[in-house]
């Protein structure tokens, strides 16, 4: 796992959060997680294929997720229903697509597969590689993580 994969994901997240939510995003200190990755209440898993393969895990707290969807839709949301999770999946899809476009500038040609949404707490997921890089991010409405588990073919 190369740390150089991180900057495109941070840049794409910062750009998408600014454009879609009018939120500034700051980056925390990178971490590494082995084997099982702890998850929060709202999670999106996106597979990556091509020159890099593996998976991405976006993990959000419930309150932040509901606030994000309220900002995007103008509707007050109280639960992680299909509307909320669909919107969250779309945000993660856009970030992932933009990040892979940035990676293509370094000659990595990749595609993403449709997102899978996982709702619930107290769980952990196994990622596509032995280790995942953890990119912690913070906004004025909450903190979340992107776990990046990619390997070169």
Protein backbone atom coordinates (compact mmCIF):
# COMPACT_ATOMS: atom_id res chain seq x y z
CA UNK A 1 0.00 0.00 0.00
CA UNK A 2 1.50 3.31 -1.07
CA UNK A 3 0.87 6.56 0.76
CA UNK A 4 0.80 8.34 -2.64
CA UNK A 5 -2.73 6.99 -3.10
CA UNK A 6 -3.92 9.20 -0.23
CA UNK A 7 -3.59 12.70 -1.71
CA UNK A 8 -6.05 12.11 -4.58
CA UNK A 9 -8.67 10.90 -2.08
CA UNK A 10 -8.11 13.87 0.21
CA UNK A 11 -8.24 16.33 -2.71
CA UNK A 12 -11.37 14.73 -4.17
CA UNK A 13 -13.11 14.69 -0.76
CA UNK A 14 -12.18 18.31 -0.08
CA UNK A 15 -13.48 19.39 -3.50
CA UNK A 16 -16.73 17.39 -3.31
CA UNK A 17 -17.53 18.52 0.25
CA UNK A 18 -16.89 22.13 -0.70
CA UNK A 19 -18.95 21.96 -3.91
CA UNK A 20 -21.88 19.83 -2.69
CA UNK A 21 -22.06 20.75 1.00
CA UNK A 22 -20.16 24.05 1.26
CA UNK A 23 -17.99 22.46 3.97
CA UNK A 24 -14.26 22.75 4.49
CA UNK A 25 -12.46 19.47 5.13
CA UNK A 26 -9.23 19.03 7.04
CA UNK A 27 -7.07 15.97 7.17
CA UNK A 28 -5.97 14.19 10.32
CA UNK A 29 -2.92 12.02 10.82
CA UNK A 30 -2.78 8.94 8.61
CA UNK A 31 -3.07 5.59 10.25
CA UNK A 32 -2.83 1.95 9.32
CA UNK A 33 -5.29 -0.74 10.28
CA UNK A 34 -4.63 -4.43 9.90
CA UNK A 35 -7.21 -7.11 9.29
CA UNK A 36 -10.56 -5.80 10.60
CA UNK A 37 -11.55 -2.15 10.18
CA UNK A 38 -13.97 -0.73 12.77
CA UNK A 39 -17.01 0.96 11.25
CA UNK A 40 -19.41 3.70 12.31
CA UNK A 41 -23.20 3.86 11.82
CA UNK A 42 -23.21 4.67 8.07
CA UNK A 43 -20.68 3.04 5.75
CA UNK A 44 -20.11 2.85 2.03
CA UNK A 45 -17.86 0.22 0.45
CA UNK A 46 -16.71 0.78 -3.12
CA UNK A 47 -14.62 -1.72 -5.05
CA UNK A 48 -11.79 -0.63 -7.33
CA UNK A 49 -10.63 -2.54 -10.41
CA UNK A 50 -7.91 -1.92 -12.99
CA UNK A 51 -4.26 -0.99 -12.44
CA UNK A 52 -5.11 -0.70 -8.76
CA UNK A 53 -7.54 -3.13 -7.20
CA UNK A 54 -9.10 -3.35 -3.80
CA UNK A 55 -11.72 -1.48 -1.85
CA UNK A 56 -12.56 1.85 -0.26
CA UNK A 57 -14.54 2.19 2.94
CA UNK A 58 -16.18 5.50 3.81
CA UNK A 59 -17.34 5.45 7.44
CA UNK A 60 -19.59 8.19 8.86
CA UNK A 61 -21.36 8.78 12.17
CA UNK A 62 -25.16 8.85 11.97
CA UNK A 63 -25.57 12.52 12.97
CA UNK A 64 -23.09 13.68 10.36
CA UNK A 65 -24.79 11.60 7.68
CA UNK A 66 -28.20 13.05 8.50
CA UNK A 67 -26.80 16.60 8.45
CA UNK A 68 -25.09 16.01 5.09
CA UNK A 69 -28.33 14.83 3.52
CA UNK A 70 -30.23 17.75 5.07
CA UNK A 71 -27.74 20.16 3.47
CA UNK A 72 -28.08 18.45 0.09
CA UNK A 73 -31.86 17.96 0.07
CA UNK A 74 -33.17 20.68 2.37
CA UNK A 75 -35.18 18.02 4.22
CA UNK A 76 -34.87 17.18 7.90
CA UNK A 77 -33.86 13.54 8.21
CA UNK A 78 -34.12 11.46 11.41
CA UNK A 79 -33.05 7.97 10.39
CA UNK A 80 -30.67 6.17 8.09
CA UNK A 81 -33.36 5.16 5.61
CA UNK A 82 -33.02 4.26 1.92
CA UNK A 83 -33.12 7.92 0.83
CA UNK A 84 -30.31 8.88 3.20
CA UNK A 85 -28.14 5.87 2.39
CA UNK A 86 -28.65 6.39 -1.34
CA UNK A 87 -27.50 10.00 -1.04
CA UNK A 88 -24.49 8.94 1.04
CA UNK A 89 -23.60 6.28 -1.52
CA UNK A 90 -23.71 8.89 -4.26
CA UNK A 91 -21.37 11.23 -2.36
CA UNK A 92 -18.88 8.38 -1.89
CA UNK A 93 -19.27 7.43 -5.56
CA UNK A 94 -18.45 10.97 -6.69
CA UNK A 95 -15.44 11.23 -4.37
CA UNK A 96 -14.13 7.84 -5.54
CA UNK A 97 -14.60 8.68 -9.22
CA UNK A 98 -12.85 12.04 -8.81
CA UNK A 99 -9.98 10.44 -6.86
CA UNK A 100 -9.47 7.80 -9.55
CA UNK A 101 -9.47 10.53 -12.19
CA UNK A 102 -6.67 12.23 -10.24
CA UNK A 103 -4.82 8.90 -9.96
CA UNK A 104 -5.09 8.51 -13.75
CA UNK A 105 -2.75 11.51 -14.03
CA UNK A 106 -0.13 9.16 -12.51
CA UNK A 107 -0.93 6.50 -15.13
CA UNK A 108 -3.23 4.41 -12.92
CA UNK A 109 -6.29 3.43 -14.97
CA UNK A 110 -9.04 2.24 -12.65
CA UNK A 111 -12.79 1.86 -12.42
CA UNK A 112 -15.18 1.66 -9.49
CA UNK A 113 -17.99 -0.79 -8.89
CA UNK A 114 -21.40 0.26 -7.52
CA UNK A 115 -21.36 1.08 -3.81
CA UNK A 116 -22.58 -1.19 -1.04
CA UNK A 117 -24.12 0.53 1.97
CA UNK A 118 -23.74 -0.94 5.44
CA UNK A 119 -25.77 0.54 8.30
CA UNK A 120 -25.15 -0.39 11.92
CA UNK A 121 -22.70 -0.08 14.77
CA UNK A 122 -20.37 -2.36 16.63
CA UNK A 123 -19.16 -4.09 13.51
CA UNK A 124 -15.87 -4.39 11.71
CA UNK A 125 -15.11 -5.21 8.09
CA UNK A 126 -12.30 -7.07 6.42
CA UNK A 127 -10.65 -5.05 3.66
CA UNK A 128 -9.22 -6.26 0.34
CA UNK A 129 -5.59 -6.14 1.49
CA UNK A 130 -3.81 -7.10 4.71
CA UNK A 131 -3.46 -3.44 5.68
CA UNK A 132 -5.56 -0.40 4.93
CA UNK A 133 -4.50 3.22 5.12
CA UNK A 134 -6.87 5.24 7.29
CA UNK A 135 -7.50 8.81 6.21
CA UNK A 136 -9.29 10.65 9.04
CA UNK A 137 -11.16 13.77 7.94
CA UNK A 138 -12.90 16.53 9.85
CA UNK A 139 -15.58 19.05 8.96
CA UNK A 140 -17.64 21.48 11.01
CA UNK A 141 -20.45 18.89 11.15
CA UNK A 142 -18.36 15.88 12.18
CA UNK A 143 -15.45 13.55 11.63
CA UNK A 144 -15.30 10.56 9.32
CA UNK A 145 -12.76 8.18 7.81
CA UNK A 146 -11.84 6.77 4.46
CA UNK A 147 -10.06 3.42 4.63
CA UNK A 148 -8.06 2.83 1.47
CA UNK A 149 -7.13 -0.75 0.68
CA UNK A 150 -5.51 -0.85 -2.77
CA UNK A 151 -2.75 -2.83 -4.43
CA UNK A 152 -1.09 -2.62 -7.82
CA UNK A 153 -1.72 -5.39 -10.29
